[in-house]
Amino acid sequence: MISSVTVRIVAGSIAVYLGVAGVLVAFGTASLPDTEAESLAFDELRLDYAALPKLQGFNARDGTELSYRSYPADSELVLVLLHGSGWHSRYLYPLANHLSDNGIAQVVTPDLRGHGERPKRRGDIDYQDQLEDDLADLLAELRRRQPQARIVVGGHSSGGGLAIRFAGSQYGNQVDGYLLLAPFLRYDAPTVRPNSGGWARPFTPRIIGLSMFERVGIDRFSHLPAIAFDMPKPYRDGTETLTYSYRLMMGFAPRHYRQDLAAISQPTLLLIGSEDEAFVAEQFKPTVEPLLEADIRVLPGLSHMGVVVSEDVRSVVETWLGQLPPP
């Protein structure tokens, strides 16, 4: 039999554990970014968006209508391109429009849940796996419309991280290729600079406390803000998402980047700019190559934003998509 002393010791240990977690959650906040310093080259996003496609909607499994932009083309290849953290699908316009105008691929750019012009709850989702469930629902809608289409899932920065997370999930075999543009692997990956080069400001004590709660099955506090993004004021227009809840932060990244990368069997192109401010370009090959047979290229002179908006990236993506094997 378990003695009463043992029970009291265990109960006391649990109480201390939960108490420490609670203190970290309650007091582990940080001030929101309010700076004019530029950690990323946001000036590269000052583009002519006059011809930007209007937002359309599809219904996710929970009944929520989510938004996306569609770039049609006379092609059976569909590229679903995911935006990075803090922003939404608008800045993907140059690459998406180029591929569409040249008949390379139809491109669909969703505003991920919690992001965009008018999200239901900005910076939050209902549970950690919801973004990948939403993506699976979008793919199902696209396949309903075009059963014979080949679908490539791509993403920039955290969008690339979500693509990798999707690849390691139950849905990973539903696509025909992956396009990873400066993908976020995880905060502890050798590819990531401290705080993503100053762009991300994690509420570290709170994150530790919330992860402690998560280990014992408590998620009632996962809606609390856990990270903020340092977007300078001149580039804000009210559609940015400057803070993420813990569950959104966790769901917008691979679960275990090594396992998720190793799960990819489809053709994969990974591009990173040599001048990336958030990630260490030369670390991608030694980190990814042992896990995944991929085409990994460092594009000279390109920044973190440039790897998705620069003209230099378009021909590389166009050629790779054109060489994908038939289904």
Protein backbone atom coordinates (compact mmCIF):
# COMPACT_ATOMS: atom_id res chain seq x y z
CA MET A 1 0.00 0.00 0.00
CA ILE A 2 1.06 3.59 -0.63
CA SER A 3 1.64 5.34 2.64
CA SER A 4 -0.05 8.60 3.53
CA VAL A 5 3.37 10.21 3.74
CA THR A 6 4.09 9.25 0.13
CA VAL A 7 0.72 10.61 -0.94
CA ARG A 8 1.43 13.90 0.80
CA ILE A 9 4.88 14.14 -0.78
CA VAL A 10 3.48 13.49 -4.28
CA ALA A 11 0.62 15.92 -3.74
CA GLY A 12 3.03 18.53 -2.46
CA SER A 13 5.33 18.05 -5.43
CA ILE A 14 2.42 18.44 -7.84
CA ALA A 15 1.27 21.56 -6.03
CA VAL A 16 4.76 23.06 -6.24
CA TYR A 17 5.03 22.15 -9.94
CA LEU A 18 1.67 23.74 -10.76
CA GLY A 19 2.48 26.71 -8.58
CA VAL A 20 5.72 27.39 -10.42
CA ALA A 21 3.93 27.01 -13.77
CA GLY A 22 1.22 29.39 -12.64
CA VAL A 23 3.73 32.05 -11.56
CA LEU A 24 5.56 31.80 -14.88
CA VAL A 25 2.32 32.10 -16.81
CA ALA A 26 1.04 35.02 -14.76
CA PHE A 27 4.21 37.09 -14.72
CA GLY A 28 6.07 35.89 -17.79
CA THR A 29 4.87 38.62 -20.13
CA ALA A 30 6.88 41.13 -22.10
CA SER A 31 6.17 44.53 -23.55
CA LEU A 32 4.80 44.58 -27.07
CA PRO A 33 7.15 45.73 -29.81
CA ASP A 34 7.07 49.47 -30.41
CA THR A 35 10.21 50.31 -32.30
CA GLU A 36 11.34 51.91 -35.52
CA ALA A 37 14.26 49.51 -35.92
CA GLU A 38 13.95 47.12 -38.84
CA SER A 39 14.95 43.54 -38.14
CA LEU A 40 13.65 42.43 -41.56
CA ALA A 41 13.62 44.26 -44.88
CA PHE A 42 9.96 45.25 -44.83
CA ASP A 43 10.58 47.91 -47.47
CA GLU A 44 10.67 45.03 -49.97
CA LEU A 45 6.94 44.57 -49.32
CA ARG A 46 6.12 48.07 -50.57
CA LEU A 47 4.69 46.76 -53.83
CA ASP A 48 1.95 47.66 -56.28
CA TYR A 49 -1.02 45.61 -55.13
CA ALA A 50 -3.55 47.26 -57.48
CA ALA A 51 -4.24 43.98 -59.31
CA LEU A 52 -4.36 41.86 -56.15
CA PRO A 53 -7.15 39.25 -56.44
CA LYS A 54 -10.09 39.71 -54.09
CA LEU A 55 -10.49 37.41 -51.14
CA GLN A 56 -12.72 34.37 -51.52
CA GLY A 57 -14.01 32.01 -48.85
CA PHE A 58 -14.23 28.32 -48.02
CA ASN A 59 -15.73 26.60 -45.02
CA ALA A 60 -13.47 24.74 -42.61
CA ARG A 61 -14.74 21.67 -40.77
CA ASP A 62 -15.90 23.75 -37.79
CA GLY A 63 -18.08 25.88 -40.06
CA THR A 64 -15.80 28.93 -39.98
CA GLU A 65 -15.38 30.69 -43.30
CA LEU A 66 -11.71 31.23 -44.04
CA SER A 67 -10.26 33.47 -46.74
CA TYR A 68 -7.91 32.88 -49.64
CA ARG A 69 -6.83 34.52 -52.89
CA SER A 70 -6.92 32.62 -56.16
CA TYR A 71 -4.60 33.11 -59.15
CA PRO A 72 -6.05 31.05 -62.03
CA ALA A 73 -4.01 29.49 -64.81
CA ASP A 74 -4.47 26.98 -67.62
CA SER A 75 -2.65 24.28 -65.67
CA GLU A 76 -3.50 21.13 -63.75
CA LEU A 77 -0.84 22.05 -61.20
CA VAL A 78 -2.00 23.91 -58.08
CA LEU A 79 0.40 25.61 -55.67
CA VAL A 80 -1.02 26.39 -52.24
CA LEU A 81 1.35 29.03 -50.87
CA LEU A 82 1.33 29.87 -47.14
CA HIS A 83 2.34 33.23 -45.70
CA GLY A 84 4.69 33.76 -42.78
CA SER A 85 4.09 35.00 -39.25
CA GLY A 86 2.62 38.40 -38.49
CA TRP A 87 1.31 39.04 -41.98
CA HIS A 88 -1.12 37.53 -44.50
CA SER A 89 -1.41 36.44 -48.12
CA ARG A 90 -1.08 39.84 -49.78
CA TYR A 91 2.74 39.91 -49.98
CA LEU A 92 2.77 36.61 -51.88
CA TYR A 93 1.26 38.44 -54.86
CA PRO A 94 4.43 38.89 -57.00
CA LEU A 95 5.37 35.21 -57.06
CA ALA A 96 1.79 33.94 -57.26
CA ASN A 97 0.91 36.34 -60.07
CA HIS A 98 4.03 35.45 -62.07
CA LEU A 99 3.31 31.72 -61.92
CA SER A 100 -0.32 32.30 -62.84
CA ASP A 101 0.33 34.74 -65.69
CA ASN A 102 2.85 32.37 -67.25
CA GLY A 103 0.58 29.34 -67.01
CA ILE A 104 2.95 27.49 -64.71
CA ALA A 105 0.45 26.79 -61.94
CA GLN A 106 -2.77 27.91 -60.41
CA VAL A 107 -1.85 29.51 -57.09
CA VAL A 108 -3.98 29.69 -53.97
CA THR A 109 -2.80 31.86 -51.07
CA PRO A 110 -4.90 31.46 -47.90
CA ASP A 111 -5.08 33.90 -45.02
CA LEU A 112 -4.42 31.46 -42.21
CA ARG A 113 -6.84 31.36 -39.30
CA GLY A 114 -6.15 34.15 -36.85
CA HIS A 115 -4.65 36.37 -39.59
CA GLY A 116 -5.76 38.67 -42.36
CA GLU A 117 -8.10 41.60 -42.72
CA ARG A 118 -10.93 40.51 -40.44
CA PRO A 119 -10.17 37.28 -38.59
CA LYS A 120 -12.63 35.92 -36.05
CA ARG A 121 -9.94 36.09 -33.34
CA ARG A 122 -6.72 37.74 -34.38
CA GLY A 123 -3.62 35.90 -33.21
CA ASP A 124 -5.41 32.83 -31.87
CA ILE A 125 -6.76 29.43 -32.90
CA ASP A 126 -8.86 26.85 -31.04
CA TYR A 127 -6.25 24.08 -30.72
CA GLN A 128 -2.68 23.48 -31.84
CA ASP A 129 -3.42 21.28 -34.85
CA GLN A 130 -6.10 23.56 -36.30
CA LEU A 131 -3.97 25.23 -38.98
CA GLU A 132 -3.09 21.88 -40.54
CA ASP A 133 -6.74 20.77 -40.31
CA ASP A 134 -7.73 24.00 -42.08
CA LEU A 135 -5.14 23.34 -44.78
CA ALA A 136 -6.46 19.80 -45.25
CA ASP A 137 -9.98 21.23 -45.62
CA LEU A 138 -8.75 23.68 -48.27
CA LEU A 139 -7.00 20.88 -50.18
CA ALA A 140 -10.19 18.80 -50.04
CA GLU A 141 -12.12 21.71 -51.53
CA LEU A 142 -9.55 22.15 -54.31
CA ARG A 143 -9.61 18.41 -55.13
CA ARG A 144 -13.41 18.46 -55.18
CA ARG A 145 -13.23 21.09 -57.90
CA GLN A 146 -10.32 19.48 -59.79
CA PRO A 147 -9.97 15.78 -58.96
CA GLN A 148 -7.04 15.33 -61.35
CA ALA A 149 -5.01 18.29 -60.12
CA ARG A 150 -1.50 17.89 -58.78
CA ILE A 151 -1.10 19.94 -55.60
CA VAL A 152 2.10 21.39 -54.21
CA VAL A 153 2.11 22.92 -50.74
CA GLY A 154 4.56 25.75 -50.26
CA GLY A 155 5.26 28.30 -47.60
CA HIS A 156 7.48 31.17 -46.62
CA SER A 157 9.12 31.45 -43.19
CA SER A 158 6.58 30.19 -40.63
CA GLY A 159 4.41 29.20 -43.60
CA GLY A 160 7.25 26.91 -44.62
CA GLY A 161 7.29 25.58 -41.07
CA LEU A 162 3.57 24.87 -41.32
CA ALA A 163 4.15 23.05 -44.62
CA ILE A 164 6.75 20.87 -42.86
CA ARG A 165 4.37 20.26 -39.95
CA PHE A 166 1.68 19.27 -42.47
CA ALA A 167 4.12 16.87 -44.14
CA GLY A 168 4.66 15.10 -40.83
CA SER A 169 0.95 14.87 -40.06
CA GLN A 170 -1.74 12.41 -41.10
CA TYR A 171 -2.29 14.56 -44.21
CA GLY A 172 1.27 14.60 -45.52
CA ASN A 173 0.68 12.11 -48.33
CA GLN A 174 -2.13 14.20 -49.86
CA VAL A 175 0.21 16.45 -51.86
CA ASP A 176 2.62 16.00 -54.74
CA GLY A 177 5.47 18.26 -53.66
CA TYR A 178 6.71 20.84 -51.18
CA LEU A 179 8.14 24.30 -51.83
CA LEU A 180 9.95 25.72 -48.78
CA LEU A 181 11.01 29.36 -48.91
CA ALA A 182 13.27 30.25 -45.97
CA PRO A 183 11.31 27.83 -43.77
CA PHE A 184 11.19 28.19 -39.99
CA LEU A 185 12.23 24.82 -38.55
CA ARG A 186 11.94 25.60 -34.83
CA TYR A 187 13.45 28.00 -32.34
CA ASP A 188 16.10 25.40 -31.37
CA ALA A 189 17.16 24.49 -34.91
CA PRO A 190 20.68 25.50 -35.97
CA THR A 191 19.17 27.39 -38.91
CA VAL A 192 17.48 30.00 -36.69
CA ARG A 193 19.18 33.15 -35.45
CA PRO A 194 18.39 34.24 -31.85
CA ASN A 195 14.80 35.54 -31.80
CA SER A 196 14.74 35.15 -35.59
CA GLY A 197 17.16 38.02 -35.97
CA GLY A 198 15.20 40.29 -33.64
CA TRP A 199 11.88 39.85 -35.45
CA ALA A 200 10.32 37.61 -32.79
CA ARG A 201 10.03 38.42 -29.09
CA PRO A 202 9.01 35.29 -27.19
CA PHE A 203 7.55 35.60 -23.69
CA THR A 204 9.97 32.93 -22.52
CA PRO A 205 8.94 32.47 -18.86
CA ARG A 206 5.28 32.27 -19.87
CA ILE A 207 6.07 29.77 -22.62
CA ILE A 208 7.92 27.60 -20.09
CA GLY A 209 4.96 27.78 -17.71
CA LEU A 210 2.43 26.95 -20.40
CA SER A 211 4.54 24.01 -21.59
CA MET A 212 4.65 22.75 -18.01
CA PHE A 213 0.86 22.90 -17.85
CA GLU A 214 0.67 21.19 -21.25
CA ARG A 215 2.73 18.24 -20.00
CA VAL A 216 0.09 17.48 -17.37
CA GLY A 217 -2.82 17.95 -19.76
CA ILE A 218 -3.85 21.50 -18.79
CA ASP A 219 -4.54 23.76 -21.76
CA ARG A 220 -6.98 26.30 -20.32
CA PHE A 221 -4.34 29.03 -20.50
CA SER A 222 -3.06 28.34 -24.02
CA HIS A 223 -5.03 31.29 -25.39
CA LEU A 224 -2.67 33.70 -23.63
CA PRO A 225 -0.17 35.72 -25.71
CA ALA A 226 3.20 33.98 -25.94
CA ILE A 227 5.13 35.83 -28.62
CA ALA A 228 5.17 39.27 -30.24
CA PHE A 229 6.55 40.46 -33.56
CA ASP A 230 8.63 43.55 -34.17
CA MET A 231 6.99 45.10 -37.22
CA PRO A 232 7.97 48.79 -37.40
CA LYS A 233 5.07 51.26 -37.29
CA PRO A 234 5.52 52.61 -40.84
CA TYR A 235 4.64 49.17 -42.22
CA ARG A 236 1.54 48.55 -40.11
CA ASP A 237 -1.92 49.06 -41.59
CA GLY A 238 -4.16 47.24 -39.12
CA THR A 239 -4.12 43.91 -40.96
CA GLU A 240 -0.92 42.68 -39.31
CA THR A 241 -0.98 40.23 -36.39
CA LEU A 242 1.60 41.33 -33.85
CA THR A 243 1.00 38.76 -31.09
CA TYR A 244 0.27 35.03 -31.09
CA SER A 245 -1.33 32.89 -28.45
CA TYR A 246 0.65 29.93 -27.18
CA ARG A 247 -1.43 27.47 -29.20
CA LEU A 248 -1.04 29.47 -32.41
CA MET A 249 2.69 29.86 -31.86
CA MET A 250 3.05 26.12 -31.35
CA GLY A 251 0.74 25.19 -34.23
CA PHE A 252 2.55 27.43 -36.73
CA ALA A 253 5.77 25.40 -36.60
CA PRO A 254 6.86 21.78 -37.04
CA ARG A 255 6.15 19.52 -34.07
CA HIS A 256 9.58 17.88 -34.34
CA TYR A 257 11.36 19.27 -37.37
CA ARG A 258 13.66 16.28 -37.82
CA GLN A 259 10.79 13.80 -37.83
CA ASP A 260 8.56 16.01 -39.97
CA LEU A 261 11.29 16.58 -42.56
CA ALA A 262 12.13 12.88 -42.61
CA ALA A 263 8.47 12.12 -43.36
CA ILE A 264 8.64 13.93 -46.71
CA SER A 265 8.96 11.59 -49.69
CA GLN A 266 7.68 14.00 -52.35
CA PRO A 267 9.89 16.25 -54.48
CA THR A 268 10.98 19.24 -52.39
CA LEU A 269 12.63 22.54 -53.22
CA LEU A 270 14.11 24.60 -50.38
CA LEU A 271 15.32 28.12 -51.10
CA ILE A 272 17.08 30.48 -48.69
CA GLY A 273 18.64 33.87 -49.36
CA SER A 274 22.32 34.32 -48.55
CA GLU A 275 21.48 37.59 -46.74
CA ASP A 276 18.58 36.23 -44.68
CA GLU A 277 18.30 38.26 -41.47
CA ALA A 278 16.23 35.71 -39.55
CA PHE A 279 17.90 32.43 -40.48
CA VAL A 280 21.45 31.16 -41.06
CA ALA A 281 21.56 30.27 -44.74
CA GLU A 282 24.64 28.02 -44.60
CA GLN A 283 23.07 25.82 -41.92
CA PHE A 284 20.19 24.55 -44.05
CA LYS A 285 22.09 21.97 -46.08
CA PRO A 286 23.83 20.26 -43.14
CA THR A 287 20.59 20.34 -41.15
CA VAL A 288 18.14 19.18 -43.80
CA GLU A 289 20.16 16.92 -46.14
CA PRO A 290 20.60 14.05 -43.61
CA LEU A 291 16.82 13.96 -43.18
CA LEU A 292 15.41 14.64 -46.62
CA GLU A 293 16.42 14.26 -50.23
CA ALA A 294 15.66 17.80 -51.37
CA ASP A 295 16.90 20.40 -53.82
CA ILE A 296 18.41 22.98 -51.42
CA ARG A 297 19.71 26.23 -52.85
CA VAL A 298 21.17 29.40 -51.38
CA LEU A 299 20.21 32.36 -53.57
CA PRO A 300 22.91 35.05 -53.52
CA GLY A 301 22.01 38.50 -52.30
CA LEU A 302 18.45 37.76 -51.23
CA SER A 303 17.03 38.68 -47.84
CA HIS A 304 14.35 36.93 -45.79
CA MET A 305 11.59 38.77 -47.65
CA GLY A 306 13.47 38.81 -50.94
CA VAL A 307 13.37 35.03 -51.22
CA VAL A 308 9.63 35.28 -51.88
CA VAL A 309 9.14 38.70 -53.52
CA SER A 310 12.31 39.13 -55.62
CA GLU A 311 12.28 38.59 -59.36
CA ASP A 312 15.36 36.40 -58.89
CA VAL A 313 13.35 33.64 -57.23
CA ARG A 314 10.62 33.36 -59.87
CA SER A 315 12.55 31.55 -62.58
CA VAL A 316 13.94 29.08 -60.02
CA VAL A 317 10.46 28.17 -58.77
CA GLU A 318 9.05 28.16 -62.30
CA THR A 319 11.70 25.72 -63.56
CA TRP A 320 11.31 23.40 -60.57
CA LEU A 321 7.52 23.27 -60.85
CA GLY A 322 7.81 22.58 -64.57
CA GLN A 323 10.06 19.58 -63.89
CA LEU A 324 7.79 17.86 -61.37
CA PRO A 325 7.05 14.29 -62.43
CA PRO A 326 3.53 13.42 -63.53
CA PRO A 327 1.24 11.75 -60.97
